[in-house]
Structure formats: C-alpha cells, structure tokens
Amino acid sequence: MKKALSVAFASLLVVLALSLIAQARTTHGSRATSVTVIEHAKTDKVIDTGKAGDSTGDLLTWHNQVYDSTDTSVAGNDQGECIRISPKQGTWECTWITWIGSDSITVEGPYYDTKDSTLAITGGTGAYANATGVMDLVAKNGGTEYAFEFKLG
C-alpha cells in the first residue's frame, strides 16, 4: 500500500511539474514579440523655454505618422515630448505614445542628438495592455526618420 501511494504521489509531482513548465513556456511565448514601425519626423518642434538658443529645459514636441516595417504604408501615429537635459552632452529625456491601429505602446527614456538609444516600454492598451520591454530608437536618413523597434516581453 505504501509503495502504491509513493508511486502515485511521485507520478502526481511529475505531472504537476510538466504542467507548470508547459504553462510557463506558453505564457512566455505568447507575450514575447517584436514590432517595428518607421516614424517620419515631419512635425518636430523645439520650444525655447529658457535662455535663447539650445538650453536646458527646452521642449521638443511632435505628432507624426508611423509606417509599417517596410516603410510603405501608414500603420498608425505617435505623439510625444522631450525635455532638453544637457545641450553640451546632446541629451533629452522623452515620453511618447505610438498607436498601431487602435492599440498603443508607451515609452520613456533618453534621446541623443548623435546616437541611437534604448527606451523602456512603460505600458500600452489593447493588444499591448500591460506591455513591458524595451524600444530601440534607430535614426534613419539623417534623423528625418526613425525606426521604433519594440521588443515586448
């Protein structure tokens, strides 16, 4: 009797462990995804809020269309703002939202005048509700376009 109970208990533990592993793989696999859109930076506007010229505290705002990863059709739009942190170092601190269809992804982090950056994904709506991960911001065509490479996880 003890042997039968031990075998049954061991079998139950194996089934439970396999079930938890399968659930973890399914949950992780269904959330992890990558989305890339291309922004055409046409409406970017710097608002001089401090000393004349490029100075700490200036604002950068925009609202642009974003295109699919092939840059051939409109996928949505974005809007956001950045605050100039250091003109000398070429740094801004930014927050923006990108709509892809009716769903959105929100990011926050650095923008650099002369190099690409990585921002934190802080949330989203619809298909991207509770989104986490990072977005790589990659300048294209001399900074007139940007690839937003969302790595959701």
N, C-alpha and C. Protein backbone atom coordinates (compact mmCIF):
# COMPACT_ATOMS: atom_id res chain seq x y z
N MET A 1 0.82 -1.19 0.00
CA MET A 1 0.00 0.00 0.00
C MET A 1 0.87 1.26 0.00
N LYS A 2 1.92 1.27 0.88
CA LYS A 2 2.80 2.42 0.93
C LYS A 2 3.49 2.64 -0.42
N LYS A 3 3.89 1.55 -1.06
CA LYS A 3 4.58 1.64 -2.34
C LYS A 3 3.65 2.23 -3.41
N ALA A 4 2.41 1.80 -3.41
CA ALA A 4 1.43 2.30 -4.39
C ALA A 4 1.19 3.79 -4.18
N LEU A 5 1.08 4.22 -2.91
CA LEU A 5 0.89 5.65 -2.62
C LEU A 5 2.12 6.45 -3.03
N SER A 6 3.31 5.91 -2.80
CA SER A 6 4.54 6.60 -3.18
C SER A 6 4.62 6.77 -4.68
N VAL A 7 4.26 5.74 -5.42
CA VAL A 7 4.29 5.80 -6.88
C VAL A 7 3.25 6.82 -7.38
N ALA A 8 2.07 6.79 -6.79
CA ALA A 8 1.02 7.72 -7.18
C ALA A 8 1.43 9.17 -6.87
N PHE A 9 2.03 9.38 -5.71
CA PHE A 9 2.48 10.71 -5.33
C PHE A 9 3.58 11.20 -6.25
N ALA A 10 4.53 10.33 -6.56
CA ALA A 10 5.63 10.69 -7.47
C ALA A 10 5.09 11.02 -8.86
N SER A 11 4.12 10.24 -9.33
CA SER A 11 3.50 10.49 -10.63
C SER A 11 2.79 11.84 -10.64
N LEU A 12 2.10 12.13 -9.56
CA LEU A 12 1.40 13.41 -9.44
C LEU A 12 2.38 14.58 -9.49
N LEU A 13 3.51 14.45 -8.81
CA LEU A 13 4.53 15.50 -8.82
C LEU A 13 5.10 15.71 -10.23
N VAL A 14 5.34 14.61 -10.96
CA VAL A 14 5.86 14.71 -12.33
C VAL A 14 4.84 15.43 -13.22
N VAL A 15 3.58 15.05 -13.12
CA VAL A 15 2.53 15.68 -13.93
C VAL A 15 2.42 17.16 -13.58
N LEU A 16 2.46 17.50 -12.31
CA LEU A 16 2.39 18.89 -11.87
C LEU A 16 3.58 19.69 -12.40
N ALA A 17 4.78 19.13 -12.31
CA ALA A 17 5.97 19.82 -12.80
C ALA A 17 5.89 20.05 -14.30
N LEU A 18 5.48 19.02 -15.06
CA LEU A 18 5.35 19.17 -16.51
C LEU A 18 4.30 20.21 -16.87
N SER A 19 3.23 20.23 -16.13
CA SER A 19 2.16 21.21 -16.35
C SER A 19 2.67 22.64 -16.13
N LEU A 20 3.41 22.85 -15.05
CA LEU A 20 3.96 24.18 -14.76
C LEU A 20 4.97 24.62 -15.83
N ILE A 21 5.79 23.70 -16.30
CA ILE A 21 6.75 24.02 -17.36
C ILE A 21 6.02 24.39 -18.64
N ALA A 22 5.01 23.63 -19.01
CA ALA A 22 4.25 23.92 -20.23
C ALA A 22 3.55 25.28 -20.13
N GLN A 23 2.99 25.57 -18.95
CA GLN A 23 2.32 26.86 -18.76
C GLN A 23 3.32 28.01 -18.86
N ALA A 24 4.47 27.86 -18.28
CA ALA A 24 5.49 28.90 -18.33
C ALA A 24 5.94 29.15 -19.77
N ARG A 25 6.13 28.10 -20.54
CA ARG A 25 6.53 28.26 -21.94
C ARG A 25 5.44 28.93 -22.74
N THR A 26 4.19 28.54 -22.53
CA THR A 26 3.07 29.13 -23.26
C THR A 26 2.92 30.60 -22.91
N THR A 27 2.98 30.93 -21.62
CA THR A 27 2.82 32.31 -21.20
C THR A 27 3.95 33.17 -21.74
N HIS A 28 5.18 32.70 -21.62
CA HIS A 28 6.32 33.48 -22.10
C HIS A 28 6.26 33.60 -23.62
N GLY A 29 5.98 32.53 -24.30
CA GLY A 29 5.96 32.54 -25.75
C GLY A 29 4.88 33.43 -26.32
N SER A 30 3.73 33.54 -25.66
CA SER A 30 2.64 34.34 -26.20
C SER A 30 2.87 35.83 -25.96
N ARG A 31 3.66 36.19 -24.96
CA ARG A 31 3.89 37.60 -24.67
C ARG A 31 5.07 38.17 -25.44
N ALA A 32 6.10 37.39 -25.62
CA ALA A 32 7.31 37.90 -26.25
C ALA A 32 7.07 38.12 -27.73
N THR A 33 7.27 39.36 -28.18
CA THR A 33 7.09 39.67 -29.59
C THR A 33 7.89 40.92 -29.93
N SER A 34 8.04 41.15 -31.20
CA SER A 34 8.77 42.31 -31.67
C SER A 34 7.93 43.03 -32.72
N VAL A 35 7.89 44.35 -32.63
CA VAL A 35 7.13 45.16 -33.58
C VAL A 35 8.02 46.32 -34.00
N THR A 36 8.13 46.56 -35.30
CA THR A 36 8.92 47.68 -35.80
C THR A 36 8.05 48.57 -36.66
N VAL A 37 8.11 49.87 -36.40
CA VAL A 37 7.46 50.86 -37.24
C VAL A 37 8.48 51.95 -37.57
N ILE A 38 8.22 52.69 -38.63
CA ILE A 38 9.10 53.76 -39.07
C ILE A 38 8.36 55.09 -38.93
N GLU A 39 8.94 56.00 -38.16
CA GLU A 39 8.36 57.34 -37.99
C GLU A 39 8.99 58.30 -38.99
N HIS A 40 8.14 59.11 -39.61
CA HIS A 40 8.61 60.21 -40.46
C HIS A 40 8.49 61.48 -39.62
N ALA A 41 9.63 62.03 -39.21
CA ALA A 41 9.67 63.15 -38.25
C ALA A 41 9.40 64.48 -38.97
N LYS A 42 8.13 64.75 -39.25
CA LYS A 42 7.76 65.95 -40.02
C LYS A 42 7.27 67.10 -39.15
N THR A 43 6.72 66.81 -37.97
CA THR A 43 6.11 67.87 -37.16
C THR A 43 6.95 68.27 -35.95
N ASP A 44 8.16 67.73 -35.83
CA ASP A 44 9.00 68.01 -34.65
C ASP A 44 9.20 69.51 -34.48
N LYS A 45 8.99 69.99 -33.27
CA LYS A 45 9.12 71.42 -32.98
C LYS A 45 9.82 71.59 -31.64
N VAL A 46 10.88 72.38 -31.62
CA VAL A 46 11.56 72.72 -30.38
C VAL A 46 11.02 74.06 -29.89
N ILE A 47 10.63 74.10 -28.62
CA ILE A 47 10.11 75.30 -27.99
C ILE A 47 11.17 75.81 -27.03
N ASP A 48 11.66 77.00 -27.28
CA ASP A 48 12.73 77.60 -26.48
C ASP A 48 12.13 78.16 -25.19
N THR A 49 12.40 77.50 -24.06
CA THR A 49 11.76 77.90 -22.80
C THR A 49 12.71 78.61 -21.83
N GLY A 50 13.98 78.59 -22.12
CA GLY A 50 14.96 79.18 -21.20
C GLY A 50 15.75 80.26 -21.89
N LYS A 51 17.06 80.20 -21.67
CA LYS A 51 17.93 81.13 -22.36
C LYS A 51 17.76 80.98 -23.86
N ALA A 52 17.99 82.04 -24.60
CA ALA A 52 17.87 81.98 -26.05
C ALA A 52 18.79 80.90 -26.60
N GLY A 53 18.28 80.13 -27.57
CA GLY A 53 19.06 79.05 -28.16
C GLY A 53 18.87 77.74 -27.43
N ASP A 54 19.69 76.79 -27.75
CA ASP A 54 19.62 75.44 -27.18
C ASP A 54 20.05 75.48 -25.72
N SER A 55 19.09 75.26 -24.80
CA SER A 55 19.42 75.32 -23.37
C SER A 55 18.59 74.30 -22.59
N THR A 56 19.09 73.96 -21.41
CA THR A 56 18.39 73.03 -20.53
C THR A 56 16.96 73.51 -20.30
N GLY A 57 16.01 72.58 -20.39
CA GLY A 57 14.60 72.90 -20.16
C GLY A 57 13.80 73.14 -21.43
N ASP A 58 14.47 73.27 -22.58
CA ASP A 58 13.72 73.43 -23.83
C ASP A 58 12.86 72.20 -24.06
N LEU A 59 11.78 72.37 -24.81
CA LEU A 59 10.85 71.27 -25.08
C LEU A 59 10.88 70.89 -26.55
N LEU A 60 10.77 69.60 -26.81
CA LEU A 60 10.61 69.07 -28.16
C LEU A 60 9.28 68.33 -28.18
N THR A 61 8.39 68.72 -29.10
CA THR A 61 7.09 68.04 -29.21
C THR A 61 6.90 67.58 -30.65
N TRP A 62 6.03 66.59 -30.83
CA TRP A 62 5.72 66.10 -32.17
C TRP A 62 4.46 65.26 -32.17
N HIS A 63 3.93 65.08 -33.36
CA HIS A 63 2.81 64.18 -33.64
C HIS A 63 2.95 63.78 -35.11
N ASN A 64 3.43 62.58 -35.34
CA ASN A 64 3.76 62.12 -36.69
C ASN A 64 3.07 60.81 -37.04
N GLN A 65 3.03 60.52 -38.33
CA GLN A 65 2.56 59.21 -38.78
C GLN A 65 3.70 58.21 -38.63
N VAL A 66 3.32 56.95 -38.38
CA VAL A 66 4.30 55.86 -38.39
C VAL A 66 3.87 54.87 -39.47
N TYR A 67 4.88 54.27 -40.10
CA TYR A 67 4.66 53.35 -41.21
C TYR A 67 5.08 51.95 -40.81
N ASP A 68 4.60 50.96 -41.56
CA ASP A 68 4.98 49.57 -41.28
C ASP A 68 6.49 49.40 -41.44
N SER A 69 6.99 48.23 -41.09
CA SER A 69 8.44 48.00 -41.09
C SER A 69 9.06 48.11 -42.47
N THR A 70 8.26 47.99 -43.54
CA THR A 70 8.79 48.16 -44.89
C THR A 70 8.74 49.62 -45.33
N ASP A 71 8.16 50.48 -44.49
CA ASP A 71 8.05 51.92 -44.75
C ASP A 71 7.21 52.23 -45.99
N THR A 72 6.19 51.38 -46.22
CA THR A 72 5.36 51.57 -47.41
C THR A 72 3.92 51.96 -47.13
N SER A 73 3.39 51.63 -45.94
CA SER A 73 2.01 52.01 -45.65
C SER A 73 1.87 52.49 -44.21
N VAL A 74 0.96 53.43 -44.01
CA VAL A 74 0.73 54.00 -42.68
C VAL A 74 0.19 52.92 -41.75
N ALA A 75 0.85 52.78 -40.58
CA ALA A 75 0.44 51.79 -39.58
C ALA A 75 -0.23 52.46 -38.39
N GLY A 76 -0.03 53.79 -38.22
CA GLY A 76 -0.59 54.50 -37.08
C GLY A 76 0.03 55.86 -36.96
N ASN A 77 0.14 56.32 -35.73
CA ASN A 77 0.74 57.63 -35.47
C ASN A 77 1.33 57.65 -34.07
N ASP A 78 2.06 58.74 -33.80
CA ASP A 78 2.65 58.91 -32.47
C ASP A 78 2.53 60.35 -32.02
N GLN A 79 2.79 60.57 -30.77
CA GLN A 79 2.89 61.93 -30.24
C GLN A 79 3.70 61.86 -28.96
N GLY A 80 4.45 62.93 -28.71
CA GLY A 80 5.27 62.90 -27.51
C GLY A 80 5.96 64.20 -27.23
N GLU A 81 6.77 64.15 -26.15
CA GLU A 81 7.51 65.33 -25.73
C GLU A 81 8.83 64.90 -25.11
N CYS A 82 9.82 65.78 -25.28
CA CYS A 82 11.13 65.58 -24.66
C CYS A 82 11.53 66.89 -23.99
N ILE A 83 12.27 66.77 -22.91
CA ILE A 83 12.84 67.93 -22.22
C ILE A 83 14.34 67.88 -22.42
N ARG A 84 14.91 69.00 -22.86
CA ARG A 84 16.36 69.08 -23.05
C ARG A 84 17.02 69.02 -21.69
N ILE A 85 17.92 68.08 -21.51
CA ILE A 85 18.64 67.92 -20.26
C ILE A 85 20.00 68.60 -20.35
N SER A 86 20.78 68.25 -21.37
CA SER A 86 22.12 68.82 -21.49
C SER A 86 22.47 69.09 -22.95
N PRO A 87 22.46 70.35 -23.36
CA PRO A 87 22.87 70.66 -24.73
C PRO A 87 24.31 70.22 -24.99
N LYS A 88 25.18 70.37 -24.01
CA LYS A 88 26.59 70.02 -24.17
C LYS A 88 26.75 68.52 -24.45
N GLN A 89 25.98 67.69 -23.74
CA GLN A 89 26.06 66.23 -23.93
C GLN A 89 25.09 65.74 -24.99
N GLY A 90 24.22 66.62 -25.47
CA GLY A 90 23.26 66.22 -26.51
C GLY A 90 22.18 65.29 -26.02
N THR A 91 21.67 65.50 -24.79
CA THR A 91 20.69 64.59 -24.21
C THR A 91 19.33 65.24 -23.99
N TRP A 92 18.31 64.44 -24.18
CA TRP A 92 16.91 64.78 -23.91
C TRP A 92 16.32 63.64 -23.08
N GLU A 93 15.28 63.91 -22.33
CA GLU A 93 14.51 62.88 -21.63
C GLU A 93 13.10 62.92 -22.23
N CYS A 94 12.60 61.77 -22.71
CA CYS A 94 11.39 61.75 -23.53
C CYS A 94 10.34 60.77 -23.01
N THR A 95 9.10 61.09 -23.36
CA THR A 95 7.96 60.20 -23.14
C THR A 95 7.08 60.31 -24.38
N TRP A 96 6.66 59.16 -24.93
CA TRP A 96 5.70 59.23 -26.03
C TRP A 96 4.88 57.98 -26.17
N ILE A 97 3.84 58.12 -26.97
CA ILE A 97 2.91 57.04 -27.22
C ILE A 97 2.86 56.79 -28.73
N THR A 98 2.86 55.54 -29.11
CA THR A 98 2.74 55.16 -30.52
C THR A 98 1.49 54.30 -30.67
N TRP A 99 0.59 54.73 -31.55
CA TRP A 99 -0.60 53.95 -31.85
C TRP A 99 -0.32 53.12 -33.09
N ILE A 100 -0.59 51.83 -32.98
CA ILE A 100 -0.52 50.93 -34.12
C ILE A 100 -1.94 50.41 -34.28
N GLY A 101 -2.63 50.93 -35.28
CA GLY A 101 -4.06 50.70 -35.36
C GLY A 101 -4.71 51.41 -34.18
N SER A 102 -5.58 50.72 -33.45
CA SER A 102 -6.22 51.34 -32.29
C SER A 102 -5.53 50.98 -30.98
N ASP A 103 -4.44 50.20 -31.04
CA ASP A 103 -3.69 49.80 -29.85
C ASP A 103 -2.48 50.72 -29.69
N SER A 104 -1.98 50.85 -28.48
CA SER A 104 -0.86 51.78 -28.26
C SER A 104 0.22 51.18 -27.37
N ILE A 105 1.43 51.74 -27.54
CA ILE A 105 2.58 51.40 -26.70
C ILE A 105 3.19 52.71 -26.22
N THR A 106 3.47 52.80 -24.92
CA THR A 106 4.06 54.00 -24.32
C THR A 106 5.50 53.70 -23.92
N VAL A 107 6.39 54.68 -24.19
CA VAL A 107 7.81 54.52 -23.85
C VAL A 107 8.31 55.74 -23.09
N GLU A 108 9.42 55.56 -22.38
CA GLU A 108 10.07 56.65 -21.64
C GLU A 108 11.56 56.38 -21.61
N GLY A 109 12.35 57.44 -21.84
CA GLY A 109 13.79 57.27 -21.78
C GLY A 109 14.55 58.33 -22.54
N PRO A 110 15.83 58.07 -22.80
CA PRO A 110 16.70 59.08 -23.39
C PRO A 110 16.60 59.16 -24.91
N TYR A 111 16.85 60.36 -25.40
CA TYR A 111 17.07 60.60 -26.83
C TYR A 111 18.39 61.37 -26.91
N TYR A 112 19.24 60.95 -27.83
CA TYR A 112 20.54 61.59 -28.00
C TYR A 112 20.61 62.27 -29.36
N ASP A 113 21.27 63.42 -29.41
CA ASP A 113 21.43 64.14 -30.67
C ASP A 113 22.23 63.36 -31.69
N THR A 114 23.20 62.58 -31.26
CA THR A 114 24.16 61.98 -32.20
C THR A 114 24.27 60.47 -32.15
N LYS A 115 23.40 59.80 -31.38
CA LYS A 115 23.47 58.33 -31.36
C LYS A 115 22.10 57.74 -31.07
N ASP A 116 21.95 56.46 -31.37
CA ASP A 116 20.70 55.75 -31.12
C ASP A 116 20.55 55.50 -29.63
N SER A 117 19.32 55.15 -29.21
CA SER A 117 19.07 54.92 -27.78
C SER A 117 18.09 53.78 -27.57
N THR A 118 17.97 53.39 -26.32
CA THR A 118 17.01 52.37 -25.91
C THR A 118 16.14 52.97 -24.81
N LEU A 119 14.82 52.85 -24.98
CA LEU A 119 13.86 53.40 -24.02
C LEU A 119 13.08 52.25 -23.39
N ALA A 120 12.53 52.49 -22.21
CA ALA A 120 11.72 51.50 -21.52
C ALA A 120 10.29 51.56 -22.04
N ILE A 121 9.69 50.40 -22.28
CA ILE A 121 8.26 50.32 -22.57
C ILE A 121 7.56 50.33 -21.22
N THR A 122 6.70 51.32 -21.01
CA THR A 122 6.07 51.50 -19.70
C THR A 122 4.60 51.07 -19.67
N GLY A 123 4.07 50.64 -20.79
CA GLY A 123 2.68 50.19 -20.80
C GLY A 123 2.10 50.26 -22.19
N GLY A 124 0.79 50.05 -22.25
CA GLY A 124 0.10 50.10 -23.53
C GLY A 124 -1.37 49.83 -23.36
N THR A 125 -2.07 49.78 -24.50
CA THR A 125 -3.50 49.50 -24.49
C THR A 125 -3.80 48.42 -25.54
N GLY A 126 -5.00 47.85 -25.45
CA GLY A 126 -5.42 46.85 -26.42
C GLY A 126 -4.49 45.65 -26.41
N ALA A 127 -3.99 45.29 -27.58
CA ALA A 127 -3.09 44.14 -27.70
C ALA A 127 -1.81 44.33 -26.90
N TYR A 128 -1.49 45.58 -26.54
CA TYR A 128 -0.26 45.88 -25.80
C TYR A 128 -0.53 46.25 -24.34
N ALA A 129 -1.71 45.95 -23.85
CA ALA A 129 -2.04 46.24 -22.44
C ALA A 129 -1.00 45.58 -21.53
N ASN A 130 -0.56 46.30 -20.54
CA ASN A 130 0.45 45.82 -19.59
C ASN A 130 1.79 45.49 -20.25
N ALA A 131 2.08 46.12 -21.37
CA ALA A 131 3.32 45.84 -22.09
C ALA A 131 4.54 46.21 -21.26
N THR A 132 5.60 45.43 -21.41
CA THR A 132 6.90 45.71 -20.83
C THR A 132 7.94 45.44 -21.90
N GLY A 133 9.17 45.78 -21.62
CA GLY A 133 10.26 45.52 -22.55
C GLY A 133 11.01 46.79 -22.87
N VAL A 134 11.62 46.83 -24.04
CA VAL A 134 12.39 47.99 -24.46
C VAL A 134 12.07 48.35 -25.91
N MET A 135 12.36 49.60 -26.25
CA MET A 135 12.25 50.04 -27.62
C MET A 135 13.59 50.61 -28.05
N ASP A 136 14.16 50.05 -29.10
CA ASP A 136 15.38 50.62 -29.67
C ASP A 136 14.97 51.70 -30.66
N LEU A 137 15.54 52.88 -30.50
CA LEU A 137 15.28 54.02 -31.37
C LEU A 137 16.48 54.16 -32.29
N VAL A 138 16.26 53.99 -33.60
CA VAL A 138 17.35 53.98 -34.56
C VAL A 138 17.11 55.07 -35.60
N ALA A 139 18.03 56.05 -35.67
CA ALA A 139 17.91 57.16 -36.63
C ALA A 139 18.14 56.65 -38.04
N LYS A 140 17.34 57.18 -38.97
CA LYS A 140 17.48 56.85 -40.39
C LYS A 140 17.45 58.15 -41.19
N ASN A 141 18.08 58.14 -42.34
CA ASN A 141 18.05 59.29 -43.25
C ASN A 141 18.41 60.59 -42.55
N GLY A 142 19.49 60.56 -41.78
CA GLY A 142 19.97 61.78 -41.13
C GLY A 142 19.05 62.33 -40.05
N GLY A 143 18.23 61.48 -39.47
CA GLY A 143 17.34 61.92 -38.40
C GLY A 143 16.00 62.45 -38.88
N THR A 144 15.68 62.29 -40.16
CA THR A 144 14.36 62.69 -40.65
C THR A 144 13.36 61.55 -40.50
N GLU A 145 13.86 60.36 -40.24
CA GLU A 145 13.03 59.19 -39.98
C GLU A 145 13.68 58.39 -38.85
N TYR A 146 12.84 57.62 -38.14
CA TYR A 146 13.33 56.79 -37.04
C TYR A 146 12.65 55.44 -37.08
N ALA A 147 13.42 54.38 -36.84
CA ALA A 147 12.85 53.06 -36.64
C ALA A 147 12.58 52.90 -35.15
N PHE A 148 11.35 52.54 -34.82
CA PHE A 148 10.98 52.20 -33.45
C PHE A 148 10.92 50.67 -33.41
N GLU A 149 11.88 50.05 -32.77
CA GLU A 149 11.95 48.59 -32.68
C GLU A 149 11.52 48.18 -31.28
N PHE A 150 10.22 47.89 -31.15
CA PHE A 150 9.64 47.49 -29.86
C PHE A 150 9.94 46.02 -29.62
N LYS A 151 10.56 45.72 -28.47
CA LYS A 151 10.86 44.34 -28.08
C LYS A 151 10.04 44.08 -26.82
N LEU A 152 8.86 43.52 -27.02
CA LEU A 152 7.92 43.29 -25.94
C LEU A 152 8.23 41.98 -25.26
N GLY A 153 8.14 41.97 -23.94
CA GLY A 153 8.42 40.73 -23.23
C GLY A 153 7.71 40.64 -21.92
